[in-house]
Amino acid sequence: MPQKDPCQKQACEIQKCLQANNYVESKCAAVLQEMRRCCARYPRGRSICCSGFEKEEREREKPKAASE
């Protein structure tokens, strides 16, 4: 049996928050931060739910690496 995604609960909370707030992302900042914290606790690739957050993190690191 496949293991449950460790950040699935947070991903569902994001969806609920966005739906409740007409998809205004700024109103769900706290829930999004919880998801980022969850994703940071697990190695890349461990959570399918984190794939977009991992991509976001890599994009954020690119300019920093280029300026060094």
PDB file of N, CA and C in Angstrom:
ATOM      1  N   MET A   1       0.846  -1.188   0.000  1.00  0.00           N
ATOM      2  CA  MET A   1       0.000   0.000   0.000  1.00  0.00           C
ATOM      3  C   MET A   1       0.892   1.253   0.000  1.00  0.00           C
ATOM      4  N   PRO A   2       0.647   2.221  -0.891  1.00  0.00           N
ATOM      5  CA  PRO A   2       1.486   3.415  -0.939  1.00  0.00           C
ATOM      6  C   PRO A   2       1.373   4.218   0.355  1.00  0.00           C
ATOM      7  N   GLN A   3       2.480   4.839   0.717  1.00  0.00           N
ATOM      8  CA  GLN A   3       2.498   5.655   1.920  1.00  0.00           C
ATOM      9  C   GLN A   3       1.734   6.951   1.681  1.00  0.00           C
ATOM     10  N   LYS A   4       1.038   7.430   2.708  1.00  0.00           N
ATOM     11  CA  LYS A   4       0.279   8.670   2.591  1.00  0.00           C
ATOM     12  C   LYS A   4       1.235   9.847   2.441  1.00  0.00           C
ATOM     13  N   ASP A   5       0.875  10.782   1.591  1.00  0.00           N
ATOM     14  CA  ASP A   5       1.697  11.968   1.392  1.00  0.00           C
ATOM     15  C   ASP A   5       1.744  12.754   2.707  1.00  0.00           C
ATOM     16  N   PRO A   6       2.940  13.066   3.214  1.00  0.00           N
ATOM     17  CA  PRO A   6       3.044  13.716   4.523  1.00  0.00           C
ATOM     18  C   PRO A   6       2.489  15.136   4.565  1.00  0.00           C
ATOM     19  N   CYS A   7       2.352  15.785   3.416  1.00  0.00           N
ATOM     20  CA  CYS A   7       1.855  17.162   3.397  1.00  0.00           C
ATOM     21  C   CYS A   7       0.471  17.285   2.754  1.00  0.00           C
ATOM     22  N   GLN A   8      -0.213  16.162   2.607  1.00  0.00           N
ATOM     23  CA  GLN A   8      -1.532  16.183   1.972  1.00  0.00           C
ATOM     24  C   GLN A   8      -2.533  17.010   2.784  1.00  0.00           C
ATOM     25  N   LYS A   9      -2.469  16.906   4.092  1.00  0.00           N
ATOM     26  CA  LYS A   9      -3.405  17.657   4.943  1.00  0.00           C
ATOM     27  C   LYS A   9      -3.266  19.162   4.683  1.00  0.00           C
ATOM     28  N   GLN A  10      -2.024  19.645   4.619  1.00  0.00           N
ATOM     29  CA  GLN A  10      -1.789  21.064   4.379  1.00  0.00           C
ATOM     30  C   GLN A  10      -2.258  21.466   2.976  1.00  0.00           C
ATOM     31  N   ALA A  11      -2.038  20.591   1.998  1.00  0.00           N
ATOM     32  CA  ALA A  11      -2.482  20.874   0.631  1.00  0.00           C
ATOM     33  C   ALA A  11      -4.004  21.016   0.578  1.00  0.00           C
ATOM     34  N   CYS A  12      -4.699  20.156   1.302  1.00  0.00           N
ATOM     35  CA  CYS A  12      -6.168  20.237   1.348  1.00  0.00           C
ATOM     36  C   CYS A  12      -6.625  21.519   2.032  1.00  0.00           C
ATOM     37  N   GLU A  13      -5.894  21.917   3.078  1.00  0.00           N
ATOM     38  CA  GLU A  13      -6.232  23.163   3.777  1.00  0.00           C
ATOM     39  C   GLU A  13      -6.067  24.369   2.857  1.00  0.00           C
ATOM     40  N   ILE A  14      -5.058  24.342   2.003  1.00  0.00           N
ATOM     41  CA  ILE A  14      -4.869  25.430   1.034  1.00  0.00           C
ATOM     42  C   ILE A  14      -6.067  25.499   0.099  1.00  0.00           C
ATOM     43  N   GLN A  15      -6.486  24.353  -0.421  1.00  0.00           N
ATOM     44  CA  GLN A  15      -7.633  24.333  -1.330  1.00  0.00           C
ATOM     45  C   GLN A  15      -8.892  24.862  -0.651  1.00  0.00           C
ATOM     46  N   LYS A  16      -9.123  24.430   0.586  1.00  0.00           N
ATOM     47  CA  LYS A  16     -10.311  24.906   1.324  1.00  0.00           C
ATOM     48  C   LYS A  16     -10.254  26.412   1.522  1.00  0.00           C
ATOM     49  N   CYS A  17      -9.080  26.915   1.915  1.00  0.00           N
ATOM     50  CA  CYS A  17      -8.923  28.348   2.158  1.00  0.00           C
ATOM     51  C   CYS A  17      -9.137  29.143   0.879  1.00  0.00           C
ATOM     52  N   LEU A  18      -8.525  28.701  -0.202  1.00  0.00           N
ATOM     53  CA  LEU A  18      -8.677  29.423  -1.468  1.00  0.00           C
ATOM     54  C   LEU A  18     -10.131  29.451  -1.928  1.00  0.00           C
ATOM     55  N   GLN A  19     -10.814  28.325  -1.810  1.00  0.00           N
ATOM     56  CA  GLN A  19     -12.229  28.278  -2.205  1.00  0.00           C
ATOM     57  C   GLN A  19     -13.066  29.212  -1.342  1.00  0.00           C
ATOM     58  N   ALA A  20     -12.786  29.229  -0.052  1.00  0.00           N
ATOM     59  CA  ALA A  20     -13.562  30.059   0.867  1.00  0.00           C
ATOM     60  C   ALA A  20     -13.301  31.552   0.664  1.00  0.00           C
ATOM     61  N   ASN A  21     -12.148  31.872   0.078  1.00  0.00           N
ATOM     62  CA  ASN A  21     -11.763  33.275  -0.100  1.00  0.00           C
ATOM     63  C   ASN A  21     -11.688  33.699  -1.565  1.00  0.00           C
ATOM     64  N   ASN A  22     -12.494  33.061  -2.405  1.00  0.00           N
ATOM     65  CA  ASN A  22     -12.557  33.399  -3.834  1.00  0.00           C
ATOM     66  C   ASN A  22     -11.180  33.437  -4.493  1.00  0.00           C
ATOM     67  N   TYR A  23     -10.329  32.505  -4.089  1.00  0.00           N
ATOM     68  CA  TYR A  23      -9.000  32.333  -4.680  1.00  0.00           C
ATOM     69  C   TYR A  23      -8.105  33.565  -4.550  1.00  0.00           C
ATOM     70  N   VAL A  24      -8.304  34.327  -3.473  1.00  0.00           N
ATOM     71  CA  VAL A  24      -7.420  35.449  -3.170  1.00  0.00           C
ATOM     72  C   VAL A  24      -6.289  34.881  -2.315  1.00  0.00           C
ATOM     73  N   GLU A  25      -5.148  34.670  -2.962  1.00  0.00           N
ATOM     74  CA  GLU A  25      -4.025  33.988  -2.326  1.00  0.00           C
ATOM     75  C   GLU A  25      -3.545  34.696  -1.052  1.00  0.00           C
ATOM     76  N   SER A  26      -3.581  36.014  -1.037  1.00  0.00           N
ATOM     77  CA  SER A  26      -3.085  36.766   0.119  1.00  0.00           C
ATOM     78  C   SER A  26      -3.877  36.457   1.391  1.00  0.00           C
ATOM     79  N   LYS A  27      -5.124  36.044   1.240  1.00  0.00           N
ATOM     80  CA  LYS A  27      -5.944  35.719   2.406  1.00  0.00           C
ATOM     81  C   LYS A  27      -5.598  34.347   2.991  1.00  0.00           C
ATOM     82  N   CYS A  28      -4.753  33.604   2.277  1.00  0.00           N
ATOM     83  CA  CYS A  28      -4.379  32.260   2.723  1.00  0.00           C
ATOM     84  C   CYS A  28      -2.885  32.168   3.035  1.00  0.00           C
ATOM     85  N   ALA A  29      -2.262  33.297   3.315  1.00  0.00           N
ATOM     86  CA  ALA A  29      -0.814  33.332   3.538  1.00  0.00           C
ATOM     87  C   ALA A  29      -0.389  32.396   4.664  1.00  0.00           C
ATOM     88  N   ALA A  30      -1.145  32.346   5.747  1.00  0.00           N
ATOM     89  CA  ALA A  30      -0.771  31.495   6.885  1.00  0.00           C
ATOM     90  C   ALA A  30      -0.815  30.018   6.506  1.00  0.00           C
ATOM     91  N   VAL A  31      -1.817  29.623   5.744  1.00  0.00           N
ATOM     92  CA  VAL A  31      -1.961  28.232   5.329  1.00  0.00           C
ATOM     93  C   VAL A  31      -0.841  27.864   4.339  1.00  0.00           C
ATOM     94  N   LEU A  32      -0.508  28.792   3.457  1.00  0.00           N
ATOM     95  CA  LEU A  32       0.579  28.566   2.514  1.00  0.00           C
ATOM     96  C   LEU A  32       1.915  28.421   3.249  1.00  0.00           C
ATOM     97  N   GLN A  33       2.102  29.215   4.296  1.00  0.00           N
ATOM     98  CA  GLN A  33       3.335  29.123   5.083  1.00  0.00           C
ATOM     99  C   GLN A  33       3.427  27.774   5.792  1.00  0.00           C
ATOM    100  N   GLU A  34       2.311  27.275   6.274  1.00  0.00           N
ATOM    101  CA  GLU A  34       2.294  25.941   6.903  1.00  0.00           C
ATOM    102  C   GLU A  34       2.719  24.874   5.898  1.00  0.00           C
ATOM    103  N   MET A  35       2.264  25.016   4.664  1.00  0.00           N
ATOM    104  CA  MET A  35       2.637  24.068   3.615  1.00  0.00           C
ATOM    105  C   MET A  35       4.136  24.141   3.351  1.00  0.00           C
ATOM    106  N   ARG A  36       4.672  25.343   3.267  1.00  0.00           N
ATOM    107  CA  ARG A  36       6.118  25.501   3.052  1.00  0.00           C
ATOM    108  C   ARG A  36       6.906  24.852   4.188  1.00  0.00           C
ATOM    109  N   ARG A  37       6.432  25.033   5.418  1.00  0.00           N
ATOM    110  CA  ARG A  37       7.114  24.421   6.576  1.00  0.00           C
ATOM    111  C   ARG A  37       7.066  22.899   6.484  1.00  0.00           C
ATOM    112  N   CYS A  38       5.926  22.369   6.089  1.00  0.00           N
ATOM    113  CA  CYS A  38       5.790  20.919   5.945  1.00  0.00           C
ATOM    114  C   CYS A  38       6.759  20.415   4.883  1.00  0.00           C
ATOM    115  N   CYS A  39       6.781  21.089   3.748  1.00  0.00           N
ATOM    116  CA  CYS A  39       7.658  20.659   2.647  1.00  0.00           C
ATOM    117  C   CYS A  39       9.124  20.727   3.053  1.00  0.00           C
ATOM    118  N   ALA A  40       9.487  21.700   3.867  1.00  0.00           N
ATOM    119  CA  ALA A  40      10.874  21.847   4.309  1.00  0.00           C
ATOM    120  C   ALA A  40      11.302  20.696   5.220  1.00  0.00           C
ATOM    121  N   ARG A  41      10.345  20.043   5.850  1.00  0.00           N
ATOM    122  CA  ARG A  41      10.669  18.939   6.768  1.00  0.00           C
ATOM    123  C   ARG A  41      11.015  17.645   6.049  1.00  0.00           C
ATOM    124  N   TYR A  42      10.689  17.541   4.776  1.00  0.00           N
ATOM    125  CA  TYR A  42      10.879  16.288   4.048  1.00  0.00           C
ATOM    126  C   TYR A  42      11.837  16.480   2.880  1.00  0.00           C
ATOM    127  N   PRO A  43      12.585  15.435   2.533  1.00  0.00           N
ATOM    128  CA  PRO A  43      13.491  15.548   1.387  1.00  0.00           C
ATOM    129  C   PRO A  43      12.712  15.771   0.096  1.00  0.00           C
ATOM    130  N   ARG A  44      13.353  16.454  -0.853  1.00  0.00           N
ATOM    131  CA  ARG A  44      12.696  16.699  -2.156  1.00  0.00           C
ATOM    132  C   ARG A  44      12.229  15.390  -2.755  1.00  0.00           C
ATOM    133  N   GLY A  45      11.041  15.430  -3.311  1.00  0.00           N
ATOM    134  CA  GLY A  45      10.484  14.243  -3.943  1.00  0.00           C
ATOM    135  C   GLY A  45       9.697  13.353  -3.000  1.00  0.00           C
ATOM    136  N   ARG A  46       9.768  13.594  -1.708  1.00  0.00           N
ATOM    137  CA  ARG A  46       9.061  12.750  -0.733  1.00  0.00           C
ATOM    138  C   ARG A  46       7.555  13.002  -0.763  1.00  0.00           C
ATOM    139  N   SER A  47       7.177  14.254  -1.020  1.00  0.00           N
ATOM    140  CA  SER A  47       5.765  14.632  -1.044  1.00  0.00           C
ATOM    141  C   SER A  47       5.400  15.146  -2.432  1.00  0.00           C
ATOM    142  N   ILE A  48       4.457  14.480  -3.080  1.00  0.00           N
ATOM    143  CA  ILE A  48       3.977  14.945  -4.385  1.00  0.00           C
ATOM    144  C   ILE A  48       3.317  16.314  -4.229  1.00  0.00           C
ATOM    145  N   CYS A  49       2.657  16.528  -3.124  1.00  0.00           N
ATOM    146  CA  CYS A  49       1.984  17.807  -2.873  1.00  0.00           C
ATOM    147  C   CYS A  49       2.973  18.968  -2.846  1.00  0.00           C
ATOM    148  N   CYS A  50       4.227  18.696  -2.558  1.00  0.00           N
ATOM    149  CA  CYS A  50       5.236  19.761  -2.439  1.00  0.00           C
ATOM    150  C   CYS A  50       5.905  20.113  -3.754  1.00  0.00           C
ATOM    151  N   SER A  51       5.604  19.414  -4.819  1.00  0.00           N
ATOM    152  CA  SER A  51       6.341  19.628  -6.067  1.00  0.00           C
ATOM    153  C   SER A  51       6.320  21.091  -6.515  1.00  0.00           C
ATOM    154  N   GLY A  52       5.202  21.754  -6.441  1.00  0.00           N
ATOM    155  CA  GLY A  52       5.129  23.165  -6.831  1.00  0.00           C
ATOM    156  C   GLY A  52       5.913  24.059  -5.899  1.00  0.00           C
ATOM    157  N   PHE A  53       5.913  23.749  -4.620  1.00  0.00           N
ATOM    158  CA  PHE A  53       6.653  24.539  -3.644  1.00  0.00           C
ATOM    159  C   PHE A  53       8.151  24.322  -3.813  1.00  0.00           C
ATOM    160  N   GLU A  54       8.547  23.101  -4.161  1.00  0.00           N
ATOM    161  CA  GLU A  54       9.955  22.811  -4.413  1.00  0.00           C
ATOM    162  C   GLU A  54      10.435  23.573  -5.642  1.00  0.00           C
ATOM    163  N   LYS A  55       9.598  23.640  -6.668  1.00  0.00           N
ATOM    164  CA  LYS A  55       9.952  24.388  -7.883  1.00  0.00           C
ATOM    165  C   LYS A  55      10.081  25.870  -7.534  1.00  0.00           C
ATOM    166  N   GLU A  56       9.159  26.381  -6.735  1.00  0.00           N
ATOM    167  CA  GLU A  56       9.196  27.779  -6.306  1.00  0.00           C
ATOM    168  C   GLU A  56      10.512  28.058  -5.569  1.00  0.00           C
ATOM    169  N   GLU A  57      10.920  27.154  -4.710  1.00  0.00           N
ATOM    170  CA  GLU A  57      12.156  27.311  -3.944  1.00  0.00           C
ATOM    171  C   GLU A  57      13.372  27.321  -4.871  1.00  0.00           C
ATOM    172  N   ARG A  58      13.398  26.430  -5.849  1.00  0.00           N
ATOM    173  CA  ARG A  58      14.522  26.390  -6.804  1.00  0.00           C
ATOM    174  C   ARG A  58      14.599  27.693  -7.598  1.00  0.00           C
ATOM    175  N   GLU A  59      13.439  28.226  -7.998  1.00  0.00           N
ATOM    176  CA  GLU A  59      13.408  29.487  -8.754  1.00  0.00           C
ATOM    177  C   GLU A  59      13.923  30.639  -7.892  1.00  0.00           C
ATOM    178  N   ARG A  60      13.602  30.613  -6.622  1.00  0.00           N
ATOM    179  CA  ARG A  60      14.038  31.667  -5.709  1.00  0.00           C
ATOM    180  C   ARG A  60      15.554  31.598  -5.490  1.00  0.00           C
ATOM    181  N   GLU A  61      16.111  30.390  -5.517  1.00  0.00           N
ATOM    182  CA  GLU A  61      17.545  30.206  -5.294  1.00  0.00           C
ATOM    183  C   GLU A  61      18.377  30.590  -6.514  1.00  0.00           C
ATOM    184  N   LYS A  62      17.832  30.521  -7.718  1.00  0.00           N
ATOM    185  CA  LYS A  62      18.584  30.802  -8.948  1.00  0.00           C
ATOM    186  C   LYS A  62      19.234  32.192  -8.940  1.00  0.00           C
ATOM    187  N   PRO A  63      18.490  33.267  -8.716  1.00  0.00           N
ATOM    188  CA  PRO A  63      19.131  34.599  -8.752  1.00  0.00           C
ATOM    189  C   PRO A  63      20.223  34.729  -7.681  1.00  0.00           C
ATOM    190  N   LYS A  64      20.008  34.137  -6.527  1.00  0.00           N
ATOM    191  CA  LYS A  64      20.986  34.195  -5.450  1.00  0.00           C
ATOM    192  C   LYS A  64      22.280  33.519  -5.884  1.00  0.00           C
ATOM    193  N   ALA A  65      22.178  32.353  -6.491  1.00  0.00           N
ATOM    194  CA  ALA A  65      23.346  31.601  -6.939  1.00  0.00           C
ATOM    195  C   ALA A  65      24.054  32.348  -8.065  1.00  0.00           C
ATOM    196  N   ALA A  66      23.320  33.008  -8.926  1.00  0.00           N
ATOM    197  CA  ALA A  66      23.905  33.739 -10.054  1.00  0.00           C
ATOM    198  C   ALA A  66      24.666  34.972  -9.576  1.00  0.00           C
ATOM    199  N   SER A  67      24.236  35.572  -8.482  1.00  0.00           N
ATOM    200  CA  SER A  67      24.884  36.796  -7.994  1.00  0.00           C
ATOM    201  C   SER A  67      26.127  36.501  -7.158  1.00  0.00           C
ATOM    202  N   GLU A  68      26.333  35.248  -6.783  1.00  0.00           N
ATOM    203  CA  GLU A  68      27.495  34.904  -5.953  1.00  0.00           C
ATOM    204  C   GLU A  68      28.739  34.721  -6.765  1.00  0.00           C
TER     205      GLU A  68
END
